[in-house]
């Protein structure tokens, strides 16, 4: 498979299913934002995170590939999204369980905190903001499902808690606003 195809040289790209759309199409923008969030998570992992959190982030990156594949496919047939590209309510529940698990080890929040801390924690705060932007873009896309939106919303919450947990475990203090 070649990396370049020349089919996008005029500002269009192909969706799953064969449709051609502008690279400025909200659908393309939304899965681009999801890809960016995935890359930010990769930066955080490369900066070094505890083993249990690395396993969570690995699973999240795989989920984000599934979400991106779903967004890159304008067809409404759910059978298209089986296998690796499936994302369901159980995935949202897994994120909620991780939030509860990690939040239990953290001091309660009393104020807003500034993004930062350790290199991995700061990268996770960046991933959180990119995830929020992806969610805002997804809202503009016809056919986006409630599960996809809920997943993106819950993921940004989880990334916030993971950033706090990574910083807490690294002994990096939180700067309050």
Protein backbone atom coordinates (compact mmCIF):
# COMPACT_ATOMS: atom_id res chain seq x y z
CA UNK A 1 0.00 0.00 0.00
CA UNK A 2 1.45 3.37 -0.98
CA UNK A 3 1.36 6.25 1.47
CA UNK A 4 0.44 8.73 -1.22
CA UNK A 5 -2.43 8.23 -3.65
CA UNK A 6 -2.72 11.68 -5.25
CA UNK A 7 -6.51 11.40 -4.92
CA UNK A 8 -6.59 14.19 -2.32
CA UNK A 9 -4.48 16.68 -4.23
CA UNK A 10 -7.53 18.76 -5.21
CA UNK A 11 -8.79 19.15 -1.63
CA UNK A 12 -11.09 16.13 -1.49
CA UNK A 13 -10.86 12.85 0.36
CA UNK A 14 -12.68 9.55 0.30
CA UNK A 15 -14.92 8.31 3.06
CA UNK A 16 -15.48 4.65 3.86
CA UNK A 17 -18.10 3.52 1.42
CA UNK A 18 -16.52 5.46 -1.44
CA UNK A 19 -18.12 8.92 -1.17
CA UNK A 20 -15.83 11.85 -2.02
CA UNK A 21 -16.06 14.97 0.14
CA UNK A 22 -14.16 18.19 0.71
CA UNK A 23 -11.37 18.00 3.25
CA UNK A 24 -13.20 20.91 4.92
CA UNK A 25 -16.30 18.75 5.44
CA UNK A 26 -17.37 18.63 9.12
CA UNK A 27 -17.12 14.82 9.06
CA UNK A 28 -13.48 14.97 7.95
CA UNK A 29 -12.79 17.69 10.51
CA UNK A 30 -14.33 15.59 13.29
CA UNK A 31 -12.31 12.46 12.63
CA UNK A 32 -9.21 14.62 12.21
CA UNK A 33 -9.80 16.01 15.69
CA UNK A 34 -10.20 12.47 17.06
CA UNK A 35 -6.91 11.53 15.38
CA UNK A 36 -5.24 14.54 17.00
CA UNK A 37 -6.53 13.51 20.43
CA UNK A 38 -5.15 10.03 19.79
CA UNK A 39 -1.73 11.50 18.91
CA UNK A 40 -1.73 13.59 22.10
CA UNK A 41 -2.36 10.45 24.11
CA UNK A 42 0.58 8.85 22.32
CA UNK A 43 2.77 11.77 23.42
CA UNK A 44 1.64 11.27 27.01
CA UNK A 45 2.43 7.57 26.85
CA UNK A 46 5.86 8.30 25.39
CA UNK A 47 6.52 10.74 28.26
CA UNK A 48 6.05 7.86 30.68
CA UNK A 49 2.99 6.90 32.67
CA UNK A 50 2.39 4.19 35.27
CA UNK A 51 1.78 0.72 33.84
CA UNK A 52 -1.91 0.56 34.79
CA UNK A 53 -2.57 3.94 33.20
CA UNK A 54 -0.57 2.98 30.11
CA UNK A 55 -2.88 -0.02 29.65
CA UNK A 56 -5.91 2.31 29.91
CA UNK A 57 -4.43 4.73 27.39
CA UNK A 58 -3.62 1.90 25.00
CA UNK A 59 -7.25 0.80 25.08
CA UNK A 60 -8.43 4.38 24.63
CA UNK A 61 -6.20 4.81 21.56
CA UNK A 62 -7.76 1.70 20.05
CA UNK A 63 -11.23 3.05 20.85
CA UNK A 64 -10.34 6.33 19.17
CA UNK A 65 -9.36 4.48 16.00
CA UNK A 66 -12.80 2.84 16.10
CA UNK A 67 -14.48 6.20 16.65
CA UNK A 68 -12.50 7.75 13.80
CA UNK A 69 -13.47 4.89 11.50
CA UNK A 70 -17.12 5.37 12.41
CA UNK A 71 -16.90 9.09 11.75
CA UNK A 72 -15.17 8.46 8.41
CA UNK A 73 -18.16 6.39 7.33
CA UNK A 74 -21.32 8.30 6.52
CA UNK A 75 -23.33 5.13 6.00
CA UNK A 76 -26.00 4.55 8.66
CA UNK A 77 -25.73 0.73 8.62
CA UNK A 78 -24.53 -0.37 12.09
CA UNK A 79 -23.25 -3.67 10.67
CA UNK A 80 -20.45 -1.67 9.09
CA UNK A 81 -19.19 -0.88 12.60
CA UNK A 82 -18.73 -4.38 13.92
CA UNK A 83 -15.43 -5.88 14.97
CA UNK A 84 -12.55 -3.49 15.55
CA UNK A 85 -14.62 -0.44 14.64
CA UNK A 86 -17.36 -1.08 17.20
CA UNK A 87 -17.95 1.32 20.06
CA UNK A 88 -20.88 0.83 22.41
CA UNK A 89 -22.41 1.66 25.77
CA UNK A 90 -20.13 -0.86 27.46
CA UNK A 91 -17.15 1.24 26.34
CA UNK A 92 -18.68 4.32 27.98
CA UNK A 93 -19.27 2.29 31.16
CA UNK A 94 -15.60 1.21 31.15
CA UNK A 95 -14.55 4.87 31.01
CA UNK A 96 -16.86 5.69 33.93
CA UNK A 97 -15.39 2.83 35.98
CA UNK A 98 -11.88 4.11 35.31
CA UNK A 99 -12.93 7.63 36.32
CA UNK A 100 -14.32 6.35 39.62
CA UNK A 101 -11.28 4.13 40.24
CA UNK A 102 -8.72 6.88 39.66
CA UNK A 103 -10.74 9.64 41.30
CA UNK A 104 -10.80 7.59 44.53
CA UNK A 105 -7.02 7.98 44.86
CA UNK A 106 -7.02 11.76 44.33
CA UNK A 107 -7.56 14.62 46.73
CA UNK A 108 -10.94 16.28 46.17
CA UNK A 109 -11.02 19.28 43.88
CA UNK A 110 -11.78 22.57 45.59
CA UNK A 111 -10.91 24.92 42.74
CA UNK A 112 -10.14 24.83 39.05
CA UNK A 113 -6.59 23.70 38.32
CA UNK A 114 -4.19 24.89 35.66
CA UNK A 115 -3.04 22.37 33.08
CA UNK A 116 0.53 21.26 33.63
CA UNK A 117 2.46 19.19 36.10
CA UNK A 118 4.65 16.40 34.79
CA UNK A 119 5.32 16.08 31.04
CA UNK A 120 2.85 13.18 30.79
CA UNK A 121 0.25 15.01 32.88
CA UNK A 122 0.54 18.13 30.74
CA UNK A 123 0.21 16.05 27.56
CA UNK A 124 -2.94 14.44 28.99
CA UNK A 125 -4.42 17.86 29.73
CA UNK A 126 -3.73 18.76 26.09
CA UNK A 127 -5.37 15.49 24.97
CA UNK A 128 -8.41 16.43 27.08
CA UNK A 129 -8.81 19.78 25.35
CA UNK A 130 -8.40 18.24 21.91
CA UNK A 131 -10.99 15.62 22.84
CA UNK A 132 -13.41 18.40 23.83
CA UNK A 133 -12.80 20.07 20.47
CA UNK A 134 -13.45 16.76 18.69
CA UNK A 135 -16.72 16.46 20.59
CA UNK A 136 -17.76 19.97 19.50
CA UNK A 137 -16.98 19.07 15.88
CA UNK A 138 -18.89 15.78 16.15
CA UNK A 139 -22.04 17.64 17.14
CA UNK A 140 -22.02 19.27 13.68
CA UNK A 141 -21.91 15.96 11.79
CA UNK A 142 -25.12 14.41 10.50
CA UNK A 143 -25.63 10.85 11.68
CA UNK A 144 -23.34 10.94 14.70
CA UNK A 145 -24.84 8.62 17.32
CA UNK A 146 -25.54 9.36 20.94
CA UNK A 147 -23.01 6.70 21.96
CA UNK A 148 -20.29 8.43 19.95
CA UNK A 149 -21.05 11.78 21.58
CA UNK A 150 -21.31 10.29 25.07
CA UNK A 151 -18.02 8.42 24.57
CA UNK A 152 -16.21 11.64 23.56
CA UNK A 153 -17.75 13.54 26.48
CA UNK A 154 -16.85 10.88 29.02
CA UNK A 155 -13.37 10.46 27.56
CA UNK A 156 -12.53 14.10 28.13
CA UNK A 157 -13.62 13.69 31.76
CA UNK A 158 -11.44 10.60 32.07
CA UNK A 159 -8.43 12.32 30.50
CA UNK A 160 -8.75 15.08 33.11
CA UNK A 161 -8.78 12.50 35.91
CA UNK A 162 -5.89 10.54 34.36
CA UNK A 163 -3.85 13.76 34.07
CA UNK A 164 -4.50 14.45 37.75
CA UNK A 165 -3.62 10.86 38.70
CA UNK A 166 -0.39 10.88 36.68
CA UNK A 167 0.63 14.18 38.27
CA UNK A 168 -0.38 12.99 41.75
CA UNK A 169 1.65 9.78 41.42
CA UNK A 170 4.63 11.76 40.07
CA UNK A 171 4.44 14.15 43.03
CA UNK A 172 3.74 17.08 40.69
CA UNK A 173 1.59 19.61 42.57
CA UNK A 174 -1.59 21.00 41.04
CA UNK A 175 -1.61 24.74 40.50
CA UNK A 176 -5.00 26.11 41.51
CA UNK A 177 -6.66 28.97 39.70
